[in-house]
Amino acid sequence: MDYLNRLGETFLDWNQIAEVLPSLFAVGLPNTVVLALASGAIGTVLGLILALMGISRNLVARWAARAYTDVFRGLPAVLTILVIGLGFGPIFRELTGSNSPYPMGVAALSLMAAAYIGEIFRSGIQSVDKGQLEAARALGFGYGASMRSIVVPQGIRRVLPALMNQFIALIKDSSLVFTLGLLSSERELFQIGQDAAARSGNLSPYVAAAIFYLALTIPLTHLVNYIDNRLRTGNKPKEPDTAAAVVGKGASA
């Protein structure tokens, strides 16, 4: 049973876990949430733009969106963070006078998220029946107005579970920002666990950080499953067809 005792001492030293908990709560958790929320918001906006470019009638816009998506989906996340953070970091410092690598970490995560979110949006928009767009055009809506008011909202609604899954991935990918050398007040969960483990020579701080990640991701995973189930089953009988409703109103008028 000695090996079980050794494993317990290595991973479940409660004194080490108790020592690192205040830093995880006060510093690591807020920074991890901010990294995920900020990069998720920026990535969502950029991703929607990429999706619209990807289905555009403009060949240049389509190829630009395709090239961007291929590059940022093809590179390892840690490599993207290092290239953007270390490559553009000096330019950012010269322009702003800030020595913090935190904004560059947000930028790197946002650019990566945009590539994945753009594909999610594109698949959702293209899954909407073409008759929706044709019905709107028949009523006199322009292409842009038809996409903005009818097609895109339906496409976004269909991919909400996939968007939530991408946000969960962002929470986990935020751990890679430590490679940029964050300031003490900017450390996220993994960096705090790593620093404590390096000081103590014990892996229990990593376990403490892992518990915080699980506390963030497991509820979100169940929320994704709930939303997916509601979209597939719960709301179908009650949901009117948007374009058909518009056509009905036009006919009654």
Protein backbone atom coordinates (compact mmCIF):
# COMPACT_ATOMS: atom_id res chain seq x y z
CA MET A 1 0.00 0.00 0.00
CA ASP A 2 3.05 2.26 0.04
CA TYR A 3 2.41 3.32 -3.54
CA LEU A 4 -1.11 4.45 -2.60
CA ASN A 5 0.30 6.52 0.22
CA ARG A 6 2.86 8.03 -2.14
CA LEU A 7 0.15 8.88 -4.66
CA GLY A 8 -1.93 10.44 -1.92
CA GLU A 9 0.99 12.55 -0.71
CA THR A 10 1.81 13.60 -4.28
CA PHE A 11 -1.67 14.57 -5.44
CA LEU A 12 -3.76 15.04 -2.28
CA ASP A 13 -1.68 16.97 0.19
CA TRP A 14 -4.49 18.92 1.83
CA ASN A 15 -2.12 21.43 3.38
CA GLN A 16 -0.80 22.35 -0.05
CA ILE A 17 -4.32 22.54 -1.47
CA ALA A 18 -5.53 24.73 1.40
CA GLU A 19 -2.52 27.01 0.94
CA VAL A 20 -3.21 27.64 -2.75
CA LEU A 21 -7.01 27.98 -2.54
CA PRO A 22 -7.07 31.71 -1.63
CA SER A 23 -4.96 32.62 -4.68
CA LEU A 24 -7.07 30.42 -6.94
CA PHE A 25 -10.24 32.11 -5.70
CA ALA A 26 -9.01 35.70 -5.60
CA VAL A 27 -6.74 35.80 -8.66
CA GLY A 28 -6.89 32.69 -10.81
CA LEU A 29 -10.65 32.26 -11.11
CA PRO A 30 -11.46 35.90 -12.05
CA ASN A 31 -8.63 36.05 -14.59
CA THR A 32 -9.65 32.75 -16.19
CA VAL A 33 -13.27 33.88 -16.47
CA VAL A 34 -12.24 37.28 -17.90
CA LEU A 35 -9.94 35.64 -20.46
CA ALA A 36 -12.70 33.29 -21.59
CA LEU A 37 -15.47 35.92 -21.66
CA ALA A 38 -13.40 38.59 -23.41
CA SER A 39 -11.98 36.25 -26.05
CA GLY A 40 -15.39 34.59 -26.46
CA ALA A 41 -17.13 37.92 -27.09
CA ILE A 42 -14.50 39.17 -29.54
CA GLY A 43 -14.26 35.77 -31.21
CA THR A 44 -18.04 35.64 -31.65
CA VAL A 45 -18.13 39.00 -33.44
CA LEU A 46 -15.15 38.11 -35.65
CA GLY A 47 -16.56 34.64 -36.25
CA LEU A 48 -19.89 36.01 -37.47
CA ILE A 49 -18.03 38.32 -39.85
CA LEU A 50 -15.98 35.35 -41.10
CA ALA A 51 -19.13 33.28 -41.59
CA LEU A 52 -20.78 36.01 -43.65
CA MET A 53 -17.60 36.39 -45.69
CA GLY A 54 -17.50 32.64 -46.18
CA ILE A 55 -20.97 32.54 -47.74
CA SER A 56 -20.57 35.83 -49.56
CA ARG A 57 -20.96 36.10 -53.33
CA ASN A 58 -17.61 37.90 -53.38
CA LEU A 59 -14.88 35.42 -54.33
CA VAL A 60 -12.12 37.42 -52.60
CA ALA A 61 -14.09 37.55 -49.32
CA ARG A 62 -14.74 33.81 -49.47
CA TRP A 63 -11.09 32.95 -50.10
CA ALA A 64 -9.91 35.34 -47.37
CA ALA A 65 -12.27 33.74 -44.85
CA ARG A 66 -11.19 30.26 -45.95
CA ALA A 67 -7.49 31.10 -45.63
CA TYR A 68 -7.95 32.64 -42.18
CA THR A 69 -9.92 29.64 -40.95
CA ASP A 70 -7.44 27.12 -42.32
CA VAL A 71 -4.47 28.88 -40.74
CA PHE A 72 -5.87 29.41 -37.25
CA ARG A 73 -7.54 26.00 -37.08
CA GLY A 74 -4.43 24.28 -38.37
CA LEU A 75 -1.92 25.77 -35.92
CA PRO A 76 -1.50 24.42 -32.37
CA ALA A 77 -3.05 26.78 -29.83
CA VAL A 78 0.17 27.23 -27.87
CA LEU A 79 2.08 28.15 -31.04
CA THR A 80 -0.53 30.76 -32.00
CA ILE A 81 -0.39 32.30 -28.52
CA LEU A 82 3.40 32.46 -28.57
CA VAL A 83 3.61 33.92 -32.07
CA ILE A 84 1.03 36.61 -31.40
CA GLY A 85 2.04 37.33 -27.83
CA LEU A 86 5.80 37.44 -28.36
CA GLY A 87 5.75 38.66 -31.95
CA PHE A 88 3.31 41.54 -31.56
CA GLY A 89 3.96 42.13 -27.86
CA PRO A 90 6.82 44.62 -28.42
CA ILE A 91 4.66 46.62 -30.86
CA PHE A 92 1.82 46.66 -28.33
CA ARG A 93 4.18 47.87 -25.60
CA GLU A 94 5.53 50.67 -27.80
CA LEU A 95 2.02 51.85 -28.70
CA THR A 96 0.49 51.64 -25.22
CA GLY A 97 3.42 51.77 -22.83
CA SER A 98 2.01 48.71 -21.03
CA ASN A 99 4.24 45.78 -20.12
CA SER A 100 1.30 43.47 -19.55
CA PRO A 101 1.04 40.49 -21.94
CA TYR A 102 -2.58 39.98 -20.86
CA PRO A 103 -4.17 41.85 -23.83
CA MET A 104 -2.06 39.86 -26.26
CA GLY A 105 -3.29 36.66 -24.64
CA VAL A 106 -6.87 37.83 -25.13
CA ALA A 107 -6.08 38.72 -28.75
CA ALA A 108 -4.57 35.31 -29.47
CA LEU A 109 -7.48 33.43 -27.90
CA SER A 110 -9.96 35.65 -29.78
CA LEU A 111 -8.33 35.04 -33.15
CA MET A 112 -8.31 31.28 -32.57
CA ALA A 113 -11.90 31.27 -31.34
CA ALA A 114 -13.03 33.30 -34.36
CA ALA A 115 -11.81 30.59 -36.75
CA TYR A 116 -13.86 27.89 -35.01
CA ILE A 117 -16.89 30.06 -34.28
CA GLY A 118 -16.93 31.26 -37.89
CA GLU A 119 -17.25 27.68 -39.10
CA ILE A 120 -19.98 27.03 -36.54
CA PHE A 121 -21.95 30.06 -37.71
CA ARG A 122 -21.40 29.23 -41.37
CA SER A 123 -22.70 25.69 -40.98
CA GLY A 124 -25.70 26.96 -39.02
CA ILE A 125 -26.59 29.62 -41.58
CA GLN A 126 -26.18 27.23 -44.49
CA SER A 127 -28.40 24.67 -42.75
CA VAL A 128 -31.38 27.05 -43.00
CA ASP A 129 -33.62 26.00 -45.88
CA LYS A 130 -33.10 28.11 -49.00
CA GLY A 131 -36.84 28.59 -49.18
CA GLN A 132 -36.56 30.96 -46.21
CA LEU A 133 -34.38 33.33 -48.21
CA GLU A 134 -36.47 32.94 -51.37
CA ALA A 135 -39.70 33.68 -49.48
CA ALA A 136 -38.22 36.83 -48.00
CA ARG A 137 -36.91 37.98 -51.39
CA ALA A 138 -40.34 37.34 -52.91
CA LEU A 139 -41.81 39.79 -50.39
CA GLY A 140 -39.42 42.49 -51.49
CA PHE A 141 -36.66 42.14 -48.90
CA GLY A 142 -33.15 42.76 -50.19
CA TYR A 143 -30.51 40.07 -49.85
CA GLY A 144 -28.86 41.81 -46.90
CA ALA A 145 -32.14 42.42 -45.07
CA SER A 146 -33.26 38.83 -45.69
CA MET A 147 -30.04 37.44 -44.27
CA ARG A 148 -30.00 39.82 -41.32
CA SER A 149 -33.65 39.48 -40.30
CA ILE A 150 -34.53 35.88 -41.20
CA VAL A 151 -31.71 33.53 -42.18
CA VAL A 152 -28.89 34.51 -39.79
CA PRO A 153 -31.05 34.52 -36.61
CA GLN A 154 -32.33 31.03 -37.41
CA GLY A 155 -28.82 29.79 -38.16
CA ILE A 156 -27.45 31.18 -34.88
CA ARG A 157 -30.23 29.59 -32.90
CA ARG A 158 -29.42 26.18 -34.37
CA VAL A 159 -25.77 26.31 -33.32
CA LEU A 160 -26.14 27.55 -29.74
CA PRO A 161 -24.98 24.21 -28.25
CA ALA A 162 -21.87 24.23 -30.46
CA LEU A 163 -21.13 27.82 -29.42
CA MET A 164 -21.37 26.82 -25.77
CA ASN A 165 -18.96 23.95 -26.41
CA GLN A 166 -16.53 26.40 -27.97
CA PHE A 167 -16.75 28.61 -24.89
CA ILE A 168 -15.90 25.60 -22.72
CA ALA A 169 -12.87 24.99 -24.94
CA LEU A 170 -11.84 28.64 -24.44
CA ILE A 171 -11.90 28.21 -20.68
CA LYS A 172 -9.45 25.33 -21.02
CA ASP A 173 -7.30 27.03 -23.66
CA SER A 174 -6.91 30.07 -21.38
CA SER A 175 -4.44 27.95 -19.39
CA LEU A 176 -1.96 28.31 -22.27
CA VAL A 177 -1.65 32.07 -21.81
CA PHE A 178 0.85 31.39 -19.00
CA THR A 179 3.49 30.94 -21.74
CA LEU A 180 3.51 34.73 -22.21
CA GLY A 181 4.79 35.35 -18.67
CA LEU A 182 1.80 36.96 -16.99
CA LEU A 183 2.22 39.43 -14.16
CA SER A 184 1.47 38.16 -10.66
CA SER A 185 -1.95 39.83 -10.57
CA GLU A 186 -2.84 38.44 -14.03
CA ARG A 187 -2.18 34.75 -13.42
CA GLU A 188 -4.96 32.34 -14.32
CA LEU A 189 -5.80 29.06 -12.60
CA PHE A 190 -3.15 26.92 -14.24
CA GLN A 191 -0.34 29.43 -13.67
CA ILE A 192 -1.15 29.71 -9.97
CA GLY A 193 -1.22 25.92 -9.63
CA GLN A 194 2.06 25.63 -11.52
CA ASP A 195 3.81 28.26 -9.40
CA ALA A 196 2.66 26.63 -6.16
CA ALA A 197 3.70 23.18 -7.40
CA ALA A 198 7.15 24.49 -8.36
CA ARG A 199 7.65 26.03 -4.90
CA SER A 200 6.51 22.97 -2.97
CA GLY A 201 7.68 20.17 -5.25
CA ASN A 202 4.21 18.66 -4.84
CA LEU A 203 1.49 18.19 -7.47
CA SER A 204 -1.47 18.88 -5.19
CA PRO A 205 -1.78 22.53 -6.36
CA TYR A 206 -2.40 21.19 -9.88
CA VAL A 207 -5.25 19.10 -8.49
CA ALA A 208 -6.68 22.19 -6.80
CA ALA A 209 -6.55 24.08 -10.11
CA ALA A 210 -8.15 21.12 -11.88
CA ILE A 211 -11.07 21.19 -9.43
CA PHE A 212 -11.70 24.84 -10.32
CA TYR A 213 -11.66 24.05 -14.04
CA LEU A 214 -14.14 21.22 -13.46
CA ALA A 215 -16.35 23.52 -11.40
CA LEU A 216 -16.51 25.85 -14.42
CA THR A 217 -16.82 23.34 -17.25
CA ILE A 218 -19.08 20.59 -15.86
CA PRO A 219 -22.11 22.88 -15.23
CA LEU A 220 -21.61 24.42 -18.67
CA THR A 221 -21.47 20.95 -20.24
CA HIS A 222 -24.80 20.04 -18.67
CA LEU A 223 -26.21 23.40 -19.78
CA VAL A 224 -25.14 22.58 -23.36
CA ASN A 225 -26.92 19.24 -23.14
CA TYR A 226 -30.05 20.92 -21.78
CA ILE A 227 -30.09 23.58 -24.51
CA ASP A 228 -29.49 20.95 -27.19
CA ASN A 229 -32.34 18.83 -25.88
CA ARG A 230 -34.70 21.82 -25.75
CA LEU A 231 -33.83 22.85 -29.30
CA ARG A 232 -34.31 19.33 -30.65
CA THR A 233 -37.48 18.40 -28.81
CA GLY A 234 -39.01 20.88 -26.41
CA ASN A 235 -39.69 23.86 -28.63
CA LYS A 236 -40.46 22.28 -31.98
CA PRO A 237 -44.26 22.25 -31.74
CA LYS A 238 -44.36 25.87 -30.57
CA GLU A 239 -41.86 27.45 -32.94
CA PRO A 240 -43.36 29.17 -36.00
CA ASP A 241 -41.53 29.25 -39.26
CA THR A 242 -40.11 32.76 -39.48
CA ALA A 243 -40.26 33.18 -43.24
CA ALA A 244 -43.62 31.46 -43.47
CA ALA A 245 -44.97 33.83 -40.85
CA VAL A 246 -43.69 36.78 -42.86
CA VAL A 247 -45.27 35.37 -46.01
CA GLY A 248 -48.56 34.86 -44.16
CA LYS A 249 -48.58 38.44 -42.99
CA GLY A 250 -47.83 39.64 -46.51
CA ALA A 251 -50.65 37.54 -47.95
CA SER A 252 -53.17 38.76 -45.38
CA ALA A 253 -52.20 42.35 -46.11
